[in-house]
N, C-alpha and C. Protein backbone atom coordinates (compact mmCIF):
# COMPACT_ATOMS: atom_id res chain seq x y z
N MET A 1 -42.90 -2.69 -47.78
CA MET A 1 -41.99 -1.66 -47.39
C MET A 1 -41.18 -2.01 -47.66
N LEU A 2 -40.33 -2.78 -47.48
CA LEU A 2 -38.91 -2.74 -47.78
C LEU A 2 -38.55 -2.51 -49.03
N ARG A 3 -39.60 -2.52 -49.83
CA ARG A 3 -39.00 -2.53 -51.38
C ARG A 3 -39.01 -0.66 -51.29
N MET A 4 -39.77 -0.09 -50.45
CA MET A 4 -40.18 1.54 -50.76
C MET A 4 -38.45 1.87 -50.18
N ILE A 5 -38.17 1.46 -48.96
CA ILE A 5 -37.17 1.39 -48.17
C ILE A 5 -36.59 1.59 -48.65
N VAL A 6 -35.62 0.64 -49.36
CA VAL A 6 -34.52 0.86 -50.16
C VAL A 6 -34.72 1.68 -51.64
N LEU A 7 -35.39 1.35 -52.37
CA LEU A 7 -36.00 2.23 -53.31
C LEU A 7 -35.33 4.02 -52.72
N TYR A 8 -36.32 4.54 -51.85
CA TYR A 8 -36.34 5.77 -51.35
C TYR A 8 -34.37 5.95 -50.64
N GLY A 9 -34.32 4.89 -50.29
CA GLY A 9 -32.59 5.09 -49.80
C GLY A 9 -32.28 5.44 -50.58
N VAL A 10 -31.46 4.50 -51.70
CA VAL A 10 -30.88 4.35 -52.90
C VAL A 10 -30.70 6.08 -53.27
N ILE A 11 -32.68 6.36 -53.72
CA ILE A 11 -32.63 7.71 -54.58
C ILE A 11 -32.17 9.11 -53.73
N ALA A 12 -31.98 8.58 -51.86
CA ALA A 12 -31.10 9.48 -51.49
C ALA A 12 -30.17 9.49 -51.31
N GLY A 13 -29.48 8.27 -51.44
CA GLY A 13 -27.95 8.05 -51.95
C GLY A 13 -26.89 8.26 -52.36
N LEU A 14 -27.95 7.90 -53.86
CA LEU A 14 -27.79 8.98 -55.15
C LEU A 14 -27.62 10.26 -54.72
N ILE A 15 -28.96 10.98 -54.88
CA ILE A 15 -28.17 12.57 -54.63
C ILE A 15 -27.09 12.97 -53.45
N VAL A 16 -26.98 12.03 -52.40
CA VAL A 16 -25.42 12.65 -51.84
C VAL A 16 -24.78 12.56 -52.65
N GLY A 17 -24.68 11.21 -52.99
CA GLY A 17 -23.46 10.33 -53.19
C GLY A 17 -22.84 10.74 -54.73
N ILE A 18 -23.95 11.30 -55.37
CA ILE A 18 -22.89 12.02 -56.73
C ILE A 18 -22.62 13.19 -56.49
N PRO A 19 -22.85 13.88 -55.87
CA PRO A 19 -22.32 15.50 -56.03
C PRO A 19 -21.44 15.61 -55.02
N LEU A 20 -21.50 14.75 -54.19
CA LEU A 20 -19.96 14.53 -52.97
C LEU A 20 -19.03 14.31 -54.21
N PHE A 21 -19.02 13.04 -54.75
CA PHE A 21 -17.91 12.54 -55.71
C PHE A 21 -17.58 13.40 -56.31
N THR A 22 -18.31 14.07 -57.28
CA THR A 22 -17.78 14.90 -58.56
C THR A 22 -17.37 15.90 -57.60
N ILE A 23 -17.60 16.92 -56.84
CA ILE A 23 -17.86 17.74 -56.15
C ILE A 23 -15.98 17.63 -56.01
N THR A 24 -15.92 16.87 -54.49
CA THR A 24 -14.91 16.28 -53.94
C THR A 24 -13.79 16.25 -54.76
N LEU A 25 -14.00 15.97 -56.47
CA LEU A 25 -12.81 15.16 -56.66
C LEU A 25 -12.48 16.44 -57.86
N THR A 26 -13.29 17.18 -58.28
CA THR A 26 -13.57 18.33 -58.99
C THR A 26 -12.35 19.31 -58.32
N LEU A 27 -13.05 19.84 -57.08
CA LEU A 27 -12.35 21.12 -56.26
C LEU A 27 -11.65 20.89 -54.97
N GLY A 28 -11.68 20.01 -54.86
CA GLY A 28 -10.80 19.04 -54.18
C GLY A 28 -10.72 19.74 -52.63
N ASP A 29 -11.28 20.93 -52.62
CA ASP A 29 -11.08 22.02 -51.19
C ASP A 29 -12.39 21.30 -50.53
N LEU A 30 -11.88 20.76 -48.95
CA LEU A 30 -12.79 19.82 -48.29
C LEU A 30 -13.26 20.81 -47.38
N GLY A 31 -11.89 21.75 -46.77
CA GLY A 31 -12.45 22.22 -45.20
C GLY A 31 -12.51 23.75 -45.73
N SER A 32 -13.12 24.52 -46.69
CA SER A 32 -14.27 25.69 -46.45
C SER A 32 -15.61 25.46 -45.60
N PRO A 33 -15.19 26.42 -45.11
CA PRO A 33 -17.12 26.59 -44.69
C PRO A 33 -18.31 26.61 -45.15
N TRP A 34 -17.98 27.10 -46.82
CA TRP A 34 -18.60 26.84 -47.93
C TRP A 34 -19.01 25.41 -48.26
N GLY A 35 -18.23 25.06 -47.82
CA GLY A 35 -17.65 23.42 -48.49
C GLY A 35 -18.56 22.28 -47.15
N TYR A 36 -18.55 23.23 -46.46
CA TYR A 36 -19.46 22.27 -45.11
C TYR A 36 -21.20 22.68 -44.90
N VAL A 37 -21.48 23.96 -45.72
CA VAL A 37 -23.15 24.18 -46.01
C VAL A 37 -23.01 23.79 -47.06
N VAL A 38 -22.69 23.82 -48.29
CA VAL A 38 -22.85 23.29 -49.69
C VAL A 38 -23.24 21.61 -48.96
N GLY A 39 -22.18 20.57 -48.47
CA GLY A 39 -22.23 19.54 -48.13
C GLY A 39 -23.61 19.03 -47.18
N TYR A 40 -23.84 19.95 -46.16
CA TYR A 40 -25.00 19.72 -45.28
C TYR A 40 -26.58 19.94 -45.66
N LEU A 41 -26.28 21.21 -47.19
CA LEU A 41 -27.54 21.53 -47.71
C LEU A 41 -27.95 19.85 -48.59
N ILE A 42 -26.99 19.76 -49.01
CA ILE A 42 -27.16 18.49 -50.29
C ILE A 42 -27.58 17.54 -49.21
N MET A 43 -27.42 17.33 -48.09
CA MET A 43 -27.88 16.34 -46.96
C MET A 43 -29.69 16.40 -47.34
N LEU A 44 -29.35 17.69 -46.45
CA LEU A 44 -31.07 17.94 -46.58
C LEU A 44 -31.66 17.37 -47.85
N ILE A 45 -31.38 18.11 -48.85
CA ILE A 45 -32.24 17.79 -49.68
C ILE A 45 -32.26 16.61 -50.28
N ALA A 46 -31.07 15.63 -50.09
CA ALA A 46 -31.54 14.18 -50.54
C ALA A 46 -32.42 13.44 -49.54
N LEU A 47 -31.82 14.39 -48.44
CA LEU A 47 -32.77 13.05 -47.08
C LEU A 47 -34.44 13.78 -47.14
N SER A 48 -34.47 14.53 -47.75
CA SER A 48 -36.58 14.80 -47.96
C SER A 48 -37.12 14.09 -48.57
N THR A 49 -36.10 13.07 -49.52
CA THR A 49 -36.77 11.83 -49.59
C THR A 49 -37.93 10.60 -48.27
N ILE A 50 -37.27 11.64 -47.31
CA ILE A 50 -37.61 10.27 -46.01
C ILE A 50 -39.20 11.15 -46.03
N PHE A 51 -39.38 12.50 -46.02
CA PHE A 51 -40.82 12.43 -46.00
C PHE A 51 -41.34 12.58 -47.27
N ILE A 52 -41.35 12.69 -48.45
CA ILE A 52 -41.67 12.39 -49.66
C ILE A 52 -41.92 11.03 -49.66
N ALA A 53 -41.09 9.55 -49.03
CA ALA A 53 -41.83 7.90 -48.69
C ALA A 53 -42.87 8.44 -48.08
N ILE A 54 -42.84 8.78 -46.97
CA ILE A 54 -43.97 8.24 -45.49
C ILE A 54 -44.83 9.11 -46.52
N LYS A 55 -45.53 10.31 -46.32
CA LYS A 55 -46.34 10.53 -47.21
C LYS A 55 -47.00 9.46 -48.19
N LYS A 56 -46.23 9.06 -49.20
CA LYS A 56 -46.52 8.02 -50.10
C LYS A 56 -47.20 7.47 -49.34
N HIS A 57 -46.22 7.20 -48.29
CA HIS A 57 -47.01 5.29 -47.78
C HIS A 57 -48.25 5.64 -46.83
N ARG A 58 -48.03 6.77 -45.83
CA ARG A 58 -49.37 7.18 -45.35
C ARG A 58 -50.82 7.15 -46.11
N ASP A 59 -50.67 8.12 -47.23
CA ASP A 59 -51.41 8.38 -48.60
C ASP A 59 -52.36 6.83 -49.21
N ALA A 60 -50.71 6.33 -49.75
CA ALA A 60 -51.46 5.57 -50.70
C ALA A 60 -51.48 4.36 -50.05
N ASP A 61 -50.61 3.36 -49.21
CA ASP A 61 -51.05 2.23 -48.51
C ASP A 61 -51.98 2.02 -47.10
N LEU A 62 -51.75 3.50 -46.16
CA LEU A 62 -52.42 3.36 -45.24
C LEU A 62 -53.85 4.15 -44.93
N GLY A 63 -54.23 4.93 -45.97
CA GLY A 63 -55.41 5.14 -45.96
C GLY A 63 -55.50 7.15 -45.49
N GLY A 64 -54.20 7.27 -44.79
CA GLY A 64 -53.98 8.67 -44.80
C GLY A 64 -53.80 8.77 -43.42
N VAL A 65 -53.41 7.71 -43.01
CA VAL A 65 -52.95 8.07 -41.65
C VAL A 65 -51.53 7.23 -40.95
N ILE A 66 -50.88 7.47 -40.26
CA ILE A 66 -49.79 6.88 -39.87
C ILE A 66 -49.11 7.31 -38.89
N LYS A 67 -48.93 6.20 -37.64
CA LYS A 67 -48.74 6.38 -36.09
C LYS A 67 -47.48 7.55 -36.64
N PHE A 68 -46.84 8.39 -34.91
CA PHE A 68 -45.54 8.40 -35.19
C PHE A 68 -44.36 7.34 -35.42
N TRP A 69 -44.36 6.42 -34.96
CA TRP A 69 -43.32 5.23 -34.60
C TRP A 69 -42.79 4.29 -35.48
N PRO A 70 -43.90 4.39 -36.71
CA PRO A 70 -43.75 3.01 -37.59
C PRO A 70 -43.46 4.90 -38.98
N ALA A 71 -43.95 6.02 -38.99
CA ALA A 71 -42.87 6.54 -39.28
C ALA A 71 -41.35 6.86 -39.50
N LEU A 72 -41.61 7.47 -38.02
CA LEU A 72 -39.46 7.47 -37.50
C LEU A 72 -39.40 6.40 -37.99
N GLY A 73 -39.66 5.11 -37.67
CA GLY A 73 -39.19 3.92 -38.50
C GLY A 73 -38.67 3.98 -39.94
N ILE A 74 -39.38 4.10 -40.55
CA ILE A 74 -39.39 4.53 -41.65
C ILE A 74 -37.99 5.42 -42.29
N GLY A 75 -37.90 6.22 -41.57
CA GLY A 75 -37.23 7.49 -42.34
C GLY A 75 -35.69 6.96 -41.62
N LEU A 76 -35.87 6.16 -40.46
CA LEU A 76 -34.38 6.07 -39.69
C LEU A 76 -33.77 5.07 -41.00
N ALA A 77 -34.82 4.28 -41.73
CA ALA A 77 -34.69 2.66 -42.39
C ALA A 77 -33.91 3.66 -43.57
N ILE A 78 -34.08 4.71 -44.38
CA ILE A 78 -34.43 5.47 -45.67
C ILE A 78 -32.95 5.95 -44.99
N SER A 79 -32.46 5.76 -44.31
CA SER A 79 -31.55 7.47 -43.71
C SER A 79 -30.21 6.60 -43.85
N PHE A 80 -30.17 5.02 -43.13
CA PHE A 80 -29.44 4.30 -43.10
C PHE A 80 -29.08 3.87 -44.36
N VAL A 81 -29.84 3.73 -45.57
CA VAL A 81 -29.88 3.27 -46.57
C VAL A 81 -28.89 4.55 -47.40
N ALA A 82 -29.30 5.61 -47.07
CA ALA A 82 -28.84 6.63 -48.14
C ALA A 82 -27.46 6.85 -47.10
N GLY A 83 -27.20 6.27 -45.93
CA GLY A 83 -25.75 6.59 -45.13
C GLY A 83 -24.90 6.01 -45.74
N ILE A 84 -24.64 4.87 -45.95
CA ILE A 84 -24.40 4.13 -46.81
C ILE A 84 -23.71 3.94 -48.23
N PHE A 85 -24.53 4.39 -49.30
CA PHE A 85 -24.10 5.38 -50.10
C PHE A 85 -22.86 6.55 -49.64
N TYR A 86 -23.31 6.93 -48.66
CA TYR A 86 -22.76 8.63 -48.69
C TYR A 86 -21.75 7.56 -47.99
N VAL A 87 -21.11 6.49 -47.49
CA VAL A 87 -20.26 6.16 -47.32
C VAL A 87 -19.61 5.51 -48.15
N ILE A 88 -19.97 5.18 -49.04
CA ILE A 88 -19.17 4.45 -50.34
C ILE A 88 -18.64 5.55 -51.60
N ALA A 89 -19.60 6.15 -51.43
CA ALA A 89 -19.20 8.00 -52.32
C ALA A 89 -17.76 8.31 -51.48
N TRP A 90 -17.68 8.23 -49.91
CA TRP A 90 -17.11 8.80 -49.94
C TRP A 90 -14.96 7.97 -49.69
N GLU A 91 -15.53 7.03 -49.76
CA GLU A 91 -14.49 5.83 -50.36
C GLU A 91 -14.28 5.76 -50.91
N ALA A 92 -14.57 5.82 -52.24
CA ALA A 92 -14.69 6.03 -53.96
C ALA A 92 -13.82 7.34 -54.28
N VAL A 93 -14.14 8.03 -53.35
CA VAL A 93 -13.34 9.46 -53.95
C VAL A 93 -11.75 9.48 -52.91
N LEU A 94 -11.75 8.71 -51.96
CA LEU A 94 -10.41 8.54 -51.01
C LEU A 94 -9.97 8.12 -52.32
N ASP A 95 -9.77 7.16 -52.46
CA ASP A 95 -9.22 5.69 -53.51
C ASP A 95 -9.41 5.99 -54.71
N LEU A 96 -10.10 6.53 -55.56
CA LEU A 96 -10.14 7.12 -56.88
C LEU A 96 -9.01 8.52 -57.33
N GLY A 97 -9.55 9.75 -56.24
CA GLY A 97 -8.81 10.68 -56.03
C GLY A 97 -7.27 10.78 -55.70
N HIS A 98 -6.82 9.77 -54.96
CA HIS A 98 -5.78 9.53 -54.21
C HIS A 98 -5.92 11.06 -53.12
N LEU A 99 -6.84 11.00 -52.06
CA LEU A 99 -7.09 11.63 -51.81
C LEU A 99 -6.10 11.49 -50.03
N ASP A 100 -5.63 12.37 -49.84
CA ASP A 100 -5.16 12.06 -48.65
C ASP A 100 -5.91 12.85 -47.39
N PHE A 101 -6.94 12.83 -46.89
CA PHE A 101 -8.15 13.55 -46.17
C PHE A 101 -7.65 13.39 -45.21
N ALA A 102 -6.43 12.46 -44.70
CA ALA A 102 -6.28 12.27 -43.02
C ALA A 102 -4.66 13.24 -42.81
N ASN A 103 -3.80 13.34 -43.60
CA ASN A 103 -3.03 14.34 -43.75
C ASN A 103 -3.22 15.44 -43.90
N THR A 104 -4.23 16.58 -44.37
CA THR A 104 -4.65 17.14 -45.41
C THR A 104 -5.46 17.61 -43.87
N TYR A 105 -6.46 17.01 -43.10
CA TYR A 105 -7.24 17.53 -41.91
C TYR A 105 -6.10 18.23 -40.67
N ALA A 106 -5.18 16.22 -40.31
CA ALA A 106 -4.23 16.71 -39.04
C ALA A 106 -3.36 17.90 -39.84
N GLN A 107 -2.92 18.33 -40.64
CA GLN A 107 -2.01 19.80 -41.22
C GLN A 107 -3.01 20.60 -40.60
N SER A 108 -4.47 20.80 -40.79
CA SER A 108 -5.22 21.81 -40.86
C SER A 108 -5.41 21.92 -39.37
N MET A 109 -5.48 21.26 -38.66
CA MET A 109 -5.38 20.79 -36.62
C MET A 109 -4.01 21.61 -36.87
N ILE A 110 -3.26 21.15 -36.84
CA ILE A 110 -1.91 22.07 -36.24
C ILE A 110 -2.16 23.38 -36.93
N ALA A 111 -2.11 23.64 -37.53
CA ALA A 111 -1.96 25.21 -38.42
C ALA A 111 -2.98 25.70 -37.06
N ALA A 112 -4.40 25.42 -37.14
CA ALA A 112 -5.41 25.73 -36.20
C ALA A 112 -4.52 26.43 -35.32
N ALA A 113 -4.20 25.16 -34.64
CA ALA A 113 -3.71 25.00 -32.91
C ALA A 113 -2.37 26.48 -32.96
N LYS A 114 -1.46 26.41 -34.53
CA LYS A 114 -0.76 27.51 -34.26
C LYS A 114 -0.69 28.96 -34.17
N ALA A 115 -2.45 28.74 -34.72
CA ALA A 115 -2.94 30.36 -35.40
C ALA A 115 -3.94 30.70 -34.16
N LYS A 116 -4.22 29.95 -32.77
CA LYS A 116 -4.70 30.27 -32.06
C LYS A 116 -3.61 30.47 -30.49
N GLY A 117 -2.42 30.74 -31.37
CA GLY A 117 -1.02 30.73 -30.67
C GLY A 117 -0.67 29.81 -29.81
N LEU A 118 -0.89 28.83 -29.82
CA LEU A 118 -0.40 27.53 -28.85
C LEU A 118 1.01 27.77 -29.04
N THR A 119 1.76 26.70 -27.86
CA THR A 119 2.79 27.05 -27.80
C THR A 119 3.39 26.12 -26.95
N GLY A 120 4.70 25.30 -27.00
CA GLY A 120 5.01 24.44 -25.72
C GLY A 120 4.31 23.04 -25.91
N ASP A 121 4.06 22.91 -24.42
CA ASP A 121 2.92 21.49 -24.14
C ASP A 121 2.05 21.79 -24.71
N ALA A 122 1.88 22.74 -25.26
CA ALA A 122 -0.20 22.73 -25.76
C ALA A 122 -0.02 22.27 -27.10
N LEU A 123 1.17 23.21 -27.71
CA LEU A 123 0.94 23.27 -28.92
C LEU A 123 1.56 21.13 -29.39
N ALA A 124 2.28 21.20 -28.24
CA ALA A 124 2.73 19.26 -28.69
C ALA A 124 1.56 18.82 -28.49
N LYS A 125 0.81 18.42 -27.90
CA LYS A 125 -0.43 18.35 -27.61
C LYS A 125 -1.52 18.05 -28.59
N ALA A 126 -1.43 19.27 -29.23
CA ALA A 126 -2.23 19.58 -30.63
C ALA A 126 -1.87 18.39 -31.65
N VAL A 127 -0.45 18.58 -31.42
CA VAL A 127 0.66 17.89 -32.57
C VAL A 127 -0.11 16.49 -32.82
N ALA A 128 0.13 16.10 -31.41
CA ALA A 128 -0.11 14.72 -30.79
C ALA A 128 -1.62 14.13 -30.78
N GLU A 129 -2.11 14.90 -31.48
CA GLU A 129 -3.83 14.71 -31.62
C GLU A 129 -4.04 14.48 -32.96
N ALA A 130 -3.27 15.31 -33.59
CA ALA A 130 -3.66 15.60 -35.07
C ALA A 130 -3.04 14.12 -34.96
N GLU A 131 -1.64 13.62 -34.96
CA GLU A 131 -1.68 12.93 -35.20
C GLU A 131 -2.11 11.48 -35.29
N GLN A 132 -2.77 11.48 -34.01
CA GLN A 132 -3.60 10.25 -33.64
C GLN A 132 -5.22 10.40 -33.76
N PHE A 133 -4.81 11.37 -35.01
CA PHE A 133 -6.25 11.77 -35.71
C PHE A 133 -5.92 10.62 -37.53
N ARG A 134 -4.75 11.28 -37.48
CA ARG A 134 -3.95 10.71 -39.04
C ARG A 134 -3.74 8.46 -38.72
N THR A 135 -3.52 8.46 -37.72
CA THR A 135 -3.37 7.34 -37.73
C THR A 135 -5.10 6.47 -37.39
N SER A 136 -6.29 7.07 -36.86
CA SER A 136 -7.14 6.26 -36.69
C SER A 136 -8.20 6.51 -37.78
N TYR A 137 -7.48 7.44 -38.43
CA TYR A 137 -8.56 7.24 -40.13
C TYR A 137 -8.12 6.68 -41.05
N ALA A 138 -7.22 5.85 -40.51
CA ALA A 138 -6.29 5.16 -41.24
C ALA A 138 -6.63 3.33 -40.94
N ASN A 139 -7.59 3.46 -40.05
CA ASN A 139 -8.18 2.19 -39.62
C ASN A 139 -9.36 2.44 -40.73
N PRO A 140 -10.11 1.50 -41.49
CA PRO A 140 -11.44 2.01 -42.02
C PRO A 140 -12.47 1.22 -40.49
N LEU A 141 -12.21 0.37 -39.93
CA LEU A 141 -12.95 0.76 -38.57
C LEU A 141 -13.39 1.83 -37.82
N TYR A 142 -12.53 2.62 -37.47
CA TYR A 142 -12.72 4.16 -37.61
C TYR A 142 -13.63 4.56 -38.46
N ARG A 143 -12.62 5.12 -40.03
CA ARG A 143 -13.64 5.75 -40.70
C ARG A 143 -14.56 5.11 -41.03
N LEU A 144 -14.73 4.70 -41.66
CA LEU A 144 -16.46 3.90 -41.80
C LEU A 144 -17.38 4.49 -41.55
N PRO A 145 -17.65 4.34 -39.63
CA PRO A 145 -18.73 4.76 -39.03
C PRO A 145 -18.24 5.90 -38.81
N GLU A 146 -17.37 7.06 -38.83
CA GLU A 146 -17.15 7.95 -39.06
C GLU A 146 -17.86 9.13 -39.88
N THR A 147 -17.65 8.73 -40.80
CA THR A 147 -17.89 8.90 -42.00
C THR A 147 -19.74 8.72 -42.11
N PHE A 148 -20.48 7.78 -41.88
CA PHE A 148 -21.70 7.94 -41.69
C PHE A 148 -22.27 8.23 -40.51
N ALA A 149 -21.50 8.30 -39.57
CA ALA A 149 -21.86 10.05 -38.35
C ALA A 149 -22.25 10.73 -39.31
N GLU A 150 -21.35 11.28 -40.09
CA GLU A 150 -21.76 13.08 -41.07
C GLU A 150 -23.15 12.65 -41.22
N ILE A 151 -23.21 11.76 -41.80
CA ILE A 151 -25.11 12.07 -42.31
C ILE A 151 -26.32 11.69 -41.78
N PHE A 152 -26.00 10.54 -40.48
CA PHE A 152 -27.11 10.09 -39.89
C PHE A 152 -27.38 10.60 -38.96
N PRO A 153 -27.03 11.83 -38.99
CA PRO A 153 -27.86 12.86 -37.99
C PRO A 153 -29.08 13.44 -38.23
N VAL A 154 -28.44 13.97 -39.46
CA VAL A 154 -29.22 14.77 -40.24
C VAL A 154 -30.24 13.88 -40.73
N GLY A 155 -30.39 12.81 -41.04
CA GLY A 155 -31.33 11.67 -41.38
C GLY A 155 -32.07 11.48 -40.07
N VAL A 156 -31.69 11.99 -39.02
CA VAL A 156 -32.42 11.34 -38.15
C VAL A 156 -33.33 12.59 -37.83
N LEU A 157 -32.45 13.43 -37.66
CA LEU A 157 -33.04 15.24 -37.79
C LEU A 157 -34.64 15.07 -38.93
N VAL A 158 -34.31 14.44 -40.19
CA VAL A 158 -34.98 14.56 -41.38
C VAL A 158 -36.08 13.58 -40.48
N SER A 159 -36.33 12.61 -39.92
CA SER A 159 -36.69 11.93 -39.44
C SER A 159 -37.93 12.11 -38.63
N LEU A 160 -37.46 12.83 -37.82
CA LEU A 160 -37.90 13.31 -36.89
C LEU A 160 -39.11 14.12 -36.78
N VAL A 161 -38.67 14.97 -37.95
CA VAL A 161 -39.90 15.89 -38.35
C VAL A 161 -40.84 15.96 -39.08
N SER A 162 -39.92 14.81 -40.21
CA SER A 162 -41.40 14.51 -40.83
C SER A 162 -42.50 13.63 -40.28
N ALA A 163 -41.82 12.35 -39.16
CA ALA A 163 -42.63 11.48 -38.58
C ALA A 163 -43.68 12.36 -37.26
N GLY A 164 -43.24 13.22 -37.01
CA GLY A 164 -44.48 14.43 -36.43
C GLY A 164 -44.62 15.18 -36.99
N LEU A 165 -44.51 15.69 -38.63
CA LEU A 165 -45.81 16.58 -39.12
C LEU A 165 -46.59 15.45 -39.58
N LEU A 166 -46.09 13.93 -40.63
CA LEU A 166 -47.19 13.65 -41.32
C LEU A 166 -47.97 12.90 -40.26
N ARG A 167 -47.44 12.34 -39.22
CA ARG A 167 -48.69 11.86 -38.22
C ARG A 167 -50.01 12.42 -38.01
N ASN A 168 -50.22 13.85 -38.65
CA ASN A 168 -51.46 14.61 -38.43
C ASN A 168 -51.98 14.05 -40.12
N SER A 169 -53.19 13.73 -39.89
CA SER A 169 -53.44 12.91 -41.12
C SER A 169 -54.03 14.23 -41.71
N ARG A 170 -54.34 15.64 -41.50
CA ARG A 170 -54.71 16.91 -41.68
C ARG A 170 -53.98 17.41 -42.43
N PHE A 171 -52.40 16.83 -42.09
CA PHE A 171 -50.85 17.92 -42.81
C PHE A 171 -51.34 17.24 -44.06
N LEU A 172 -50.76 18.08 -45.09
CA LEU A 172 -50.60 17.72 -46.35
C LEU A 172 -52.23 16.49 -46.49
N ALA A 173 -53.32 16.75 -46.57
CA ALA A 173 -54.29 15.86 -46.75
C ALA A 173 -54.17 14.91 -48.08
N ALA A 174 -54.40 13.80 -47.67
CA ALA A 174 -54.47 13.08 -49.26
C ALA A 174 -55.44 13.74 -50.34
N ARG A 175 -55.45 14.00 -51.53
CA ARG A 175 -56.87 14.74 -52.37
C ARG A 175 -57.39 13.05 -52.77
N ARG A 176 -58.86 12.90 -52.53
CA ARG A 176 -59.79 11.87 -52.82
C ARG A 176 -60.00 12.21 -53.80
N ALA A 177 -60.18 11.14 -55.02
CA ALA A 177 -60.42 11.65 -56.57
C ALA A 177 -62.01 11.32 -56.62
């Protein structure tokens, strides 16, 4: 089972990591609303390997029956492996693309505060929060878990749905030859 988890986790990680790497390095626009939509859509597509892995394990190894908790465990483990690949891809983008994400994001935080019409103490507080983010993001002990937290909740959601559906042996039942 460990082999299956690693295999499907690597597949999911490559499906999410390669587009993250190539799109970010070629387009560079990280803050657009469409960028978020495309990013999370790619995550969902990549993490669909969770459903495939659980179904294959249920049908091929367990005779068509799997309980919720073991199925959820498989999904979470695949999500963990995919998340590691996602973090590695993001770190490669930051390094190879010489991307100053923290500064760009901090500037967008300040611009959003100014667009809201904040002035005086409120604007100073927003600038301080942006500077705090910039400082925190420079620390890998902050940045790596923050990046992992972008994809892992999506994996949890896909795992819950997959485990819930596939625990029913009649749902997409295996065809007997």
